[in-house]
Amino acid sequence: MISVGGGIGALARYGIGHMFPVAAGHVPWSTLAINAIGCFLIGVLMVLITEVWSAHRLLRPFLGVGILGGFTTFSTYTNEIRALFAAGDAVVAMVYLAGTLLAALLAVIAGVALARAVTGTVIEKGAVDA
C-alpha cells in the first residue's frame, strides 16, 4: 500500500515540477509549494484519522507515508539548496532554506487548525496532539 501511494505522490510531484520549471539562481517555488501543500494535507489527514474517524489501519500508511511522503521531497529540497550555493547564490539558498521550513511548519499548523475548525474537534488542554 505504501509503495502504491508513494508512486502516486511522486508522479504528482514530478508533473507539477515539469509544469513549473525553475530557472537557475531562482527560488524553486514549485518544490516549496509542493512541500507546503503536502504539510498542510498531512495536518488535515492526521486530525481526520486520529481525532475524527476510526480509520482503517492501512489508511494512514497509504495516504500519509505513501501519497504525501511521495509527493513531498526533502532530498530535492536539499539538493536545490546545494545547487544554489554551488552557483554562488548564497542569499537565495538561505532564503529558500528558511522559507521552506517556515512555510512547512505554518502549513501543517494551518491544516490541523482548519480540520479541527471544520469538524468541530477540540483538544483538551494537556492532551497529546496529533
N, C-alpha and C. Protein backbone atom coordinates (compact mmCIF):
# COMPACT_ATOMS: atom_id res chain seq x y z
N MET A 1 0.81 -1.19 0.00
CA MET A 1 0.00 0.00 0.00
C MET A 1 0.86 1.26 0.00
N ILE A 2 1.92 1.25 0.79
CA ILE A 2 2.78 2.43 0.87
C ILE A 2 3.44 2.70 -0.47
N SER A 3 3.94 1.65 -1.12
CA SER A 3 4.64 1.86 -2.39
C SER A 3 3.69 2.36 -3.48
N VAL A 4 2.47 1.88 -3.49
CA VAL A 4 1.49 2.36 -4.47
C VAL A 4 1.21 3.84 -4.21
N GLY A 5 0.97 4.19 -2.95
CA GLY A 5 0.75 5.59 -2.60
C GLY A 5 1.95 6.45 -2.92
N GLY A 6 3.14 5.94 -2.63
CA GLY A 6 4.37 6.68 -2.94
C GLY A 6 4.51 6.95 -4.42
N GLY A 7 4.16 5.97 -5.23
CA GLY A 7 4.21 6.17 -6.68
C GLY A 7 3.25 7.24 -7.15
N ILE A 8 2.05 7.23 -6.58
CA ILE A 8 1.05 8.25 -6.94
C ILE A 8 1.55 9.64 -6.55
N GLY A 9 2.05 9.76 -5.32
CA GLY A 9 2.55 11.06 -4.85
C GLY A 9 3.74 11.55 -5.65
N ALA A 10 4.66 10.64 -5.96
CA ALA A 10 5.85 11.02 -6.72
C ALA A 10 5.49 11.46 -8.14
N LEU A 11 4.54 10.77 -8.75
CA LEU A 11 4.10 11.17 -10.09
C LEU A 11 3.45 12.55 -10.07
N ALA A 12 2.68 12.83 -9.04
CA ALA A 12 2.06 14.16 -8.91
C ALA A 12 3.13 15.23 -8.76
N ARG A 13 4.13 14.96 -7.91
CA ARG A 13 5.23 15.91 -7.72
C ARG A 13 6.00 16.12 -9.01
N TYR A 14 6.30 15.05 -9.71
CA TYR A 14 7.03 15.12 -10.97
C TYR A 14 6.27 15.97 -11.98
N GLY A 15 4.97 15.75 -12.07
CA GLY A 15 4.15 16.52 -13.01
C GLY A 15 4.14 18.00 -12.69
N ILE A 16 3.99 18.34 -11.41
CA ILE A 16 3.99 19.74 -11.01
C ILE A 16 5.35 20.37 -11.27
N GLY A 17 6.41 19.64 -10.97
CA GLY A 17 7.76 20.14 -11.22
C GLY A 17 8.01 20.46 -12.69
N HIS A 18 7.45 19.65 -13.57
CA HIS A 18 7.62 19.91 -15.01
C HIS A 18 6.68 21.00 -15.53
N MET A 19 5.57 21.19 -14.88
CA MET A 19 4.65 22.26 -15.29
C MET A 19 5.21 23.63 -14.90
N PHE A 20 6.00 23.65 -13.82
CA PHE A 20 6.54 24.92 -13.31
C PHE A 20 8.05 24.80 -13.12
N PRO A 21 8.82 24.79 -14.22
CA PRO A 21 10.28 24.65 -14.10
C PRO A 21 10.89 25.88 -13.43
N VAL A 22 12.07 25.67 -12.87
CA VAL A 22 12.76 26.74 -12.13
C VAL A 22 14.00 27.17 -12.90
N ALA A 23 14.16 28.46 -13.07
CA ALA A 23 15.36 29.00 -13.72
C ALA A 23 16.52 28.98 -12.72
N ALA A 24 17.72 28.77 -13.22
CA ALA A 24 18.90 28.75 -12.37
C ALA A 24 19.02 30.05 -11.59
N GLY A 25 19.37 29.93 -10.31
CA GLY A 25 19.57 31.09 -9.47
C GLY A 25 18.30 31.66 -8.87
N HIS A 26 17.18 31.00 -9.08
CA HIS A 26 15.91 31.46 -8.54
C HIS A 26 15.39 30.49 -7.48
N VAL A 27 14.54 30.98 -6.62
CA VAL A 27 13.92 30.12 -5.61
C VAL A 27 13.08 29.06 -6.33
N PRO A 28 13.28 27.79 -6.00
CA PRO A 28 12.48 26.72 -6.61
C PRO A 28 11.06 26.71 -6.03
N TRP A 29 10.23 27.61 -6.53
CA TRP A 29 8.88 27.80 -5.98
C TRP A 29 8.04 26.54 -6.07
N SER A 30 8.21 25.74 -7.12
CA SER A 30 7.37 24.55 -7.24
C SER A 30 7.67 23.56 -6.12
N THR A 31 8.94 23.36 -5.78
CA THR A 31 9.28 22.45 -4.69
C THR A 31 8.80 23.00 -3.36
N LEU A 32 8.96 24.30 -3.16
CA LEU A 32 8.49 24.92 -1.93
C LEU A 32 6.97 24.74 -1.80
N ALA A 33 6.25 24.98 -2.88
CA ALA A 33 4.78 24.83 -2.86
C ALA A 33 4.38 23.38 -2.61
N ILE A 34 5.05 22.45 -3.27
CA ILE A 34 4.76 21.03 -3.09
C ILE A 34 4.93 20.64 -1.62
N ASN A 35 6.04 21.04 -1.02
CA ASN A 35 6.29 20.69 0.38
C ASN A 35 5.30 21.36 1.32
N ALA A 36 4.95 22.61 1.06
CA ALA A 36 3.97 23.30 1.91
C ALA A 36 2.58 22.67 1.77
N ILE A 37 2.18 22.37 0.55
CA ILE A 37 0.87 21.72 0.33
C ILE A 37 0.83 20.36 1.00
N GLY A 38 1.91 19.59 0.85
CA GLY A 38 1.97 18.28 1.50
C GLY A 38 1.89 18.38 3.01
N CYS A 39 2.54 19.38 3.60
CA CYS A 39 2.48 19.58 5.05
C CYS A 39 1.08 19.98 5.48
N PHE A 40 0.44 20.84 4.72
CA PHE A 40 -0.94 21.23 5.02
C PHE A 40 -1.84 19.99 5.01
N LEU A 41 -1.70 19.18 3.97
CA LEU A 41 -2.54 17.99 3.84
C LEU A 41 -2.28 16.96 4.92
N ILE A 42 -1.02 16.81 5.37
CA ILE A 42 -0.74 15.86 6.45
C ILE A 42 -1.36 16.36 7.74
N GLY A 43 -1.39 17.67 7.94
CA GLY A 43 -2.07 18.22 9.12
C GLY A 43 -3.55 17.89 9.11
N VAL A 44 -4.19 18.09 7.97
CA VAL A 44 -5.61 17.75 7.82
C VAL A 44 -5.82 16.25 8.04
N LEU A 45 -5.00 15.45 7.37
CA LEU A 45 -5.14 13.99 7.45
C LEU A 45 -5.01 13.49 8.88
N MET A 46 -4.01 13.98 9.60
CA MET A 46 -3.78 13.48 10.96
C MET A 46 -4.95 13.80 11.88
N VAL A 47 -5.56 14.96 11.72
CA VAL A 47 -6.75 15.27 12.53
C VAL A 47 -7.87 14.31 12.17
N LEU A 48 -8.09 14.13 10.88
CA LEU A 48 -9.20 13.27 10.45
C LEU A 48 -9.05 11.83 10.91
N ILE A 49 -7.85 11.27 10.79
CA ILE A 49 -7.70 9.85 11.11
C ILE A 49 -7.37 9.57 12.57
N THR A 50 -7.01 10.60 13.34
CA THR A 50 -6.73 10.35 14.75
C THR A 50 -7.75 10.96 15.69
N GLU A 51 -8.49 11.96 15.23
CA GLU A 51 -9.42 12.66 16.12
C GLU A 51 -10.87 12.59 15.66
N VAL A 52 -11.11 12.29 14.39
CA VAL A 52 -12.47 12.35 13.87
C VAL A 52 -12.97 10.96 13.47
N TRP A 53 -12.22 10.26 12.65
CA TRP A 53 -12.66 8.96 12.14
C TRP A 53 -12.01 7.81 12.90
N SER A 54 -12.63 6.67 12.77
CA SER A 54 -11.99 5.43 13.17
C SER A 54 -11.48 4.82 11.86
N ALA A 55 -10.29 5.24 11.46
CA ALA A 55 -9.76 4.90 10.14
C ALA A 55 -9.25 3.47 10.07
N HIS A 56 -9.34 2.89 8.88
CA HIS A 56 -8.74 1.57 8.62
C HIS A 56 -7.24 1.67 8.88
N ARG A 57 -6.65 0.61 9.39
CA ARG A 57 -5.24 0.64 9.79
C ARG A 57 -4.28 0.92 8.63
N LEU A 58 -4.70 0.71 7.39
CA LEU A 58 -3.83 0.97 6.24
C LEU A 58 -4.01 2.36 5.64
N LEU A 59 -4.99 3.11 6.12
CA LEU A 59 -5.25 4.43 5.54
C LEU A 59 -4.09 5.40 5.80
N ARG A 60 -3.61 5.44 7.03
CA ARG A 60 -2.51 6.35 7.35
C ARG A 60 -1.24 6.00 6.57
N PRO A 61 -0.82 4.74 6.53
CA PRO A 61 0.37 4.44 5.72
C PRO A 61 0.18 4.76 4.23
N PHE A 62 -1.00 4.46 3.69
CA PHE A 62 -1.24 4.71 2.27
C PHE A 62 -1.25 6.21 1.96
N LEU A 63 -2.06 6.97 2.69
CA LEU A 63 -2.18 8.40 2.41
C LEU A 63 -1.01 9.22 2.96
N GLY A 64 -0.66 8.99 4.22
CA GLY A 64 0.38 9.81 4.86
C GLY A 64 1.78 9.47 4.42
N VAL A 65 2.17 8.22 4.62
CA VAL A 65 3.53 7.80 4.27
C VAL A 65 3.67 7.64 2.76
N GLY A 66 2.67 7.03 2.14
CA GLY A 66 2.74 6.77 0.70
C GLY A 66 2.52 8.00 -0.15
N ILE A 67 1.28 8.42 -0.29
CA ILE A 67 0.97 9.53 -1.21
C ILE A 67 1.66 10.83 -0.79
N LEU A 68 1.45 11.25 0.45
CA LEU A 68 2.05 12.53 0.86
C LEU A 68 3.56 12.43 1.03
N GLY A 69 4.05 11.27 1.45
CA GLY A 69 5.50 11.07 1.53
C GLY A 69 6.15 11.09 0.15
N GLY A 70 5.47 10.51 -0.83
CA GLY A 70 5.98 10.54 -2.20
C GLY A 70 5.83 11.90 -2.86
N PHE A 71 4.81 12.63 -2.45
CA PHE A 71 4.55 13.96 -3.01
C PHE A 71 5.56 14.98 -2.51
N THR A 72 5.79 15.01 -1.20
CA THR A 72 6.76 15.95 -0.65
C THR A 72 8.17 15.42 -0.89
N THR A 73 9.15 16.31 -0.78
CA THR A 73 10.50 15.88 -1.09
C THR A 73 11.55 16.66 -0.31
N PHE A 74 12.18 15.98 0.61
CA PHE A 74 13.28 16.59 1.35
C PHE A 74 14.57 16.53 0.54
N SER A 75 14.76 15.44 -0.19
CA SER A 75 16.00 15.28 -0.95
C SER A 75 16.12 16.30 -2.07
N THR A 76 15.03 16.57 -2.79
CA THR A 76 15.08 17.59 -3.84
C THR A 76 15.32 18.96 -3.23
N TYR A 77 14.65 19.23 -2.12
CA TYR A 77 14.82 20.50 -1.40
C TYR A 77 16.29 20.72 -1.03
N THR A 78 16.93 19.72 -0.43
CA THR A 78 18.33 19.89 -0.02
C THR A 78 19.26 19.96 -1.23
N ASN A 79 18.97 19.22 -2.28
CA ASN A 79 19.80 19.29 -3.48
C ASN A 79 19.68 20.65 -4.15
N GLU A 80 18.48 21.22 -4.15
CA GLU A 80 18.31 22.56 -4.73
C GLU A 80 19.07 23.61 -3.91
N ILE A 81 19.10 23.46 -2.60
CA ILE A 81 19.89 24.37 -1.76
C ILE A 81 21.36 24.22 -2.10
N ARG A 82 21.83 22.97 -2.21
CA ARG A 82 23.23 22.72 -2.57
C ARG A 82 23.57 23.36 -3.90
N ALA A 83 22.68 23.21 -4.88
CA ALA A 83 22.92 23.76 -6.22
C ALA A 83 22.97 25.29 -6.19
N LEU A 84 22.11 25.90 -5.40
CA LEU A 84 22.12 27.36 -5.28
C LEU A 84 23.43 27.84 -4.66
N PHE A 85 23.89 27.16 -3.62
CA PHE A 85 25.18 27.52 -3.02
C PHE A 85 26.32 27.32 -4.02
N ALA A 86 26.28 26.20 -4.74
CA ALA A 86 27.34 25.91 -5.72
C ALA A 86 27.38 26.94 -6.83
N ALA A 87 26.23 27.51 -7.17
CA ALA A 87 26.17 28.53 -8.22
C ALA A 87 26.50 29.93 -7.69
N GLY A 88 26.83 30.01 -6.40
CA GLY A 88 27.17 31.30 -5.82
C GLY A 88 25.98 32.12 -5.39
N ASP A 89 24.82 31.50 -5.32
CA ASP A 89 23.59 32.20 -4.94
C ASP A 89 23.26 31.93 -3.47
N ALA A 90 24.19 32.31 -2.58
CA ALA A 90 24.04 32.01 -1.15
C ALA A 90 22.81 32.67 -0.54
N VAL A 91 22.52 33.89 -0.93
CA VAL A 91 21.36 34.59 -0.36
C VAL A 91 20.07 33.88 -0.76
N VAL A 92 19.96 33.54 -2.03
CA VAL A 92 18.77 32.82 -2.50
C VAL A 92 18.67 31.47 -1.79
N ALA A 93 19.81 30.78 -1.64
CA ALA A 93 19.82 29.48 -0.96
C ALA A 93 19.32 29.60 0.47
N MET A 94 19.78 30.61 1.19
CA MET A 94 19.38 30.79 2.58
C MET A 94 17.90 31.19 2.69
N VAL A 95 17.45 32.04 1.78
CA VAL A 95 16.03 32.42 1.78
C VAL A 95 15.16 31.18 1.52
N TYR A 96 15.58 30.37 0.56
CA TYR A 96 14.84 29.15 0.24
C TYR A 96 14.87 28.17 1.40
N LEU A 97 16.03 27.99 2.01
CA LEU A 97 16.17 27.08 3.14
C LEU A 97 15.23 27.48 4.27
N ALA A 98 15.30 28.73 4.70
CA ALA A 98 14.47 29.20 5.80
C ALA A 98 13.00 29.31 5.41
N GLY A 99 12.75 29.78 4.20
CA GLY A 99 11.37 29.96 3.74
C GLY A 99 10.60 28.66 3.66
N THR A 100 11.26 27.61 3.19
CA THR A 100 10.59 26.32 3.10
C THR A 100 10.28 25.77 4.48
N LEU A 101 11.23 25.87 5.40
CA LEU A 101 10.98 25.38 6.76
C LEU A 101 9.82 26.13 7.41
N LEU A 102 9.81 27.43 7.27
CA LEU A 102 8.74 28.24 7.85
C LEU A 102 7.39 27.92 7.18
N ALA A 103 7.40 27.84 5.86
CA ALA A 103 6.16 27.53 5.13
C ALA A 103 5.62 26.16 5.52
N ALA A 104 6.51 25.17 5.66
CA ALA A 104 6.08 23.82 6.03
C ALA A 104 5.46 23.80 7.42
N LEU A 105 6.11 24.45 8.37
CA LEU A 105 5.58 24.48 9.73
C LEU A 105 4.23 25.20 9.79
N LEU A 106 4.16 26.36 9.16
CA LEU A 106 2.89 27.10 9.14
C LEU A 106 1.79 26.33 8.42
N ALA A 107 2.16 25.60 7.38
CA ALA A 107 1.18 24.83 6.62
C ALA A 107 0.59 23.69 7.45
N VAL A 108 1.42 22.96 8.18
CA VAL A 108 0.89 21.86 8.99
C VAL A 108 0.03 22.40 10.13
N ILE A 109 0.44 23.52 10.72
CA ILE A 109 -0.38 24.15 11.77
C ILE A 109 -1.72 24.58 11.19
N ALA A 110 -1.70 25.18 10.01
CA ALA A 110 -2.94 25.62 9.35
C ALA A 110 -3.83 24.43 9.00
N GLY A 111 -3.23 23.34 8.52
CA GLY A 111 -4.01 22.15 8.19
C GLY A 111 -4.70 21.56 9.40
N VAL A 112 -3.98 21.47 10.51
CA VAL A 112 -4.56 20.97 11.76
C VAL A 112 -5.69 21.89 12.22
N ALA A 113 -5.41 23.20 12.22
CA ALA A 113 -6.41 24.17 12.69
C ALA A 113 -7.67 24.15 11.82
N LEU A 114 -7.49 24.11 10.51
CA LEU A 114 -8.64 24.09 9.61
C LEU A 114 -9.46 22.82 9.79
N ALA A 115 -8.78 21.68 9.86
CA ALA A 115 -9.50 20.42 10.02
C ALA A 115 -10.28 20.40 11.33
N ARG A 116 -9.67 20.90 12.39
CA ARG A 116 -10.37 20.94 13.68
C ARG A 116 -11.55 21.92 13.63
N ALA A 117 -11.37 23.05 12.97
CA ALA A 117 -12.45 24.03 12.88
C ALA A 117 -13.62 23.48 12.08
N VAL A 118 -13.33 22.83 10.97
CA VAL A 118 -14.39 22.30 10.10
C VAL A 118 -15.12 21.14 10.77
N THR A 119 -14.38 20.30 11.49
CA THR A 119 -15.00 19.12 12.12
C THR A 119 -15.52 19.40 13.52
N GLY A 120 -15.15 20.54 14.09
CA GLY A 120 -15.57 20.86 15.45
C GLY A 120 -14.80 20.10 16.51
N THR A 121 -13.65 19.56 16.15
CA THR A 121 -12.83 18.81 17.09
C THR A 121 -12.12 19.76 18.04
N VAL A 122 -12.16 19.43 19.32
CA VAL A 122 -11.49 20.24 20.33
C VAL A 122 -10.55 19.33 21.11
N ILE A 123 -9.31 19.77 21.26
CA ILE A 123 -8.34 19.03 22.05
C ILE A 123 -8.30 19.66 23.44
N GLU A 124 -8.47 18.84 24.46
CA GLU A 124 -8.43 19.35 25.82
C GLU A 124 -7.01 19.73 26.19
N LYS A 125 -6.89 20.76 27.02
CA LYS A 125 -5.59 21.23 27.47
C LYS A 125 -4.85 20.08 28.15
N GLY A 126 -3.60 19.90 27.76
CA GLY A 126 -2.78 18.84 28.33
C GLY A 126 -2.84 17.53 27.57
N ALA A 127 -3.76 17.41 26.62
CA ALA A 127 -3.86 16.19 25.82
C ALA A 127 -2.75 16.16 24.79
N VAL A 128 -2.36 14.97 24.38
CA VAL A 128 -1.33 14.81 23.35
C VAL A 128 -1.93 15.19 22.01
N ASP A 129 -1.22 16.02 21.25
CA ASP A 129 -1.69 16.50 19.96
C ASP A 129 -1.37 15.48 18.88
N ALA A 130 -2.13 15.52 17.78
CA ALA A 130 -1.92 14.62 16.64
C ALA A 130 -0.59 14.91 16.04
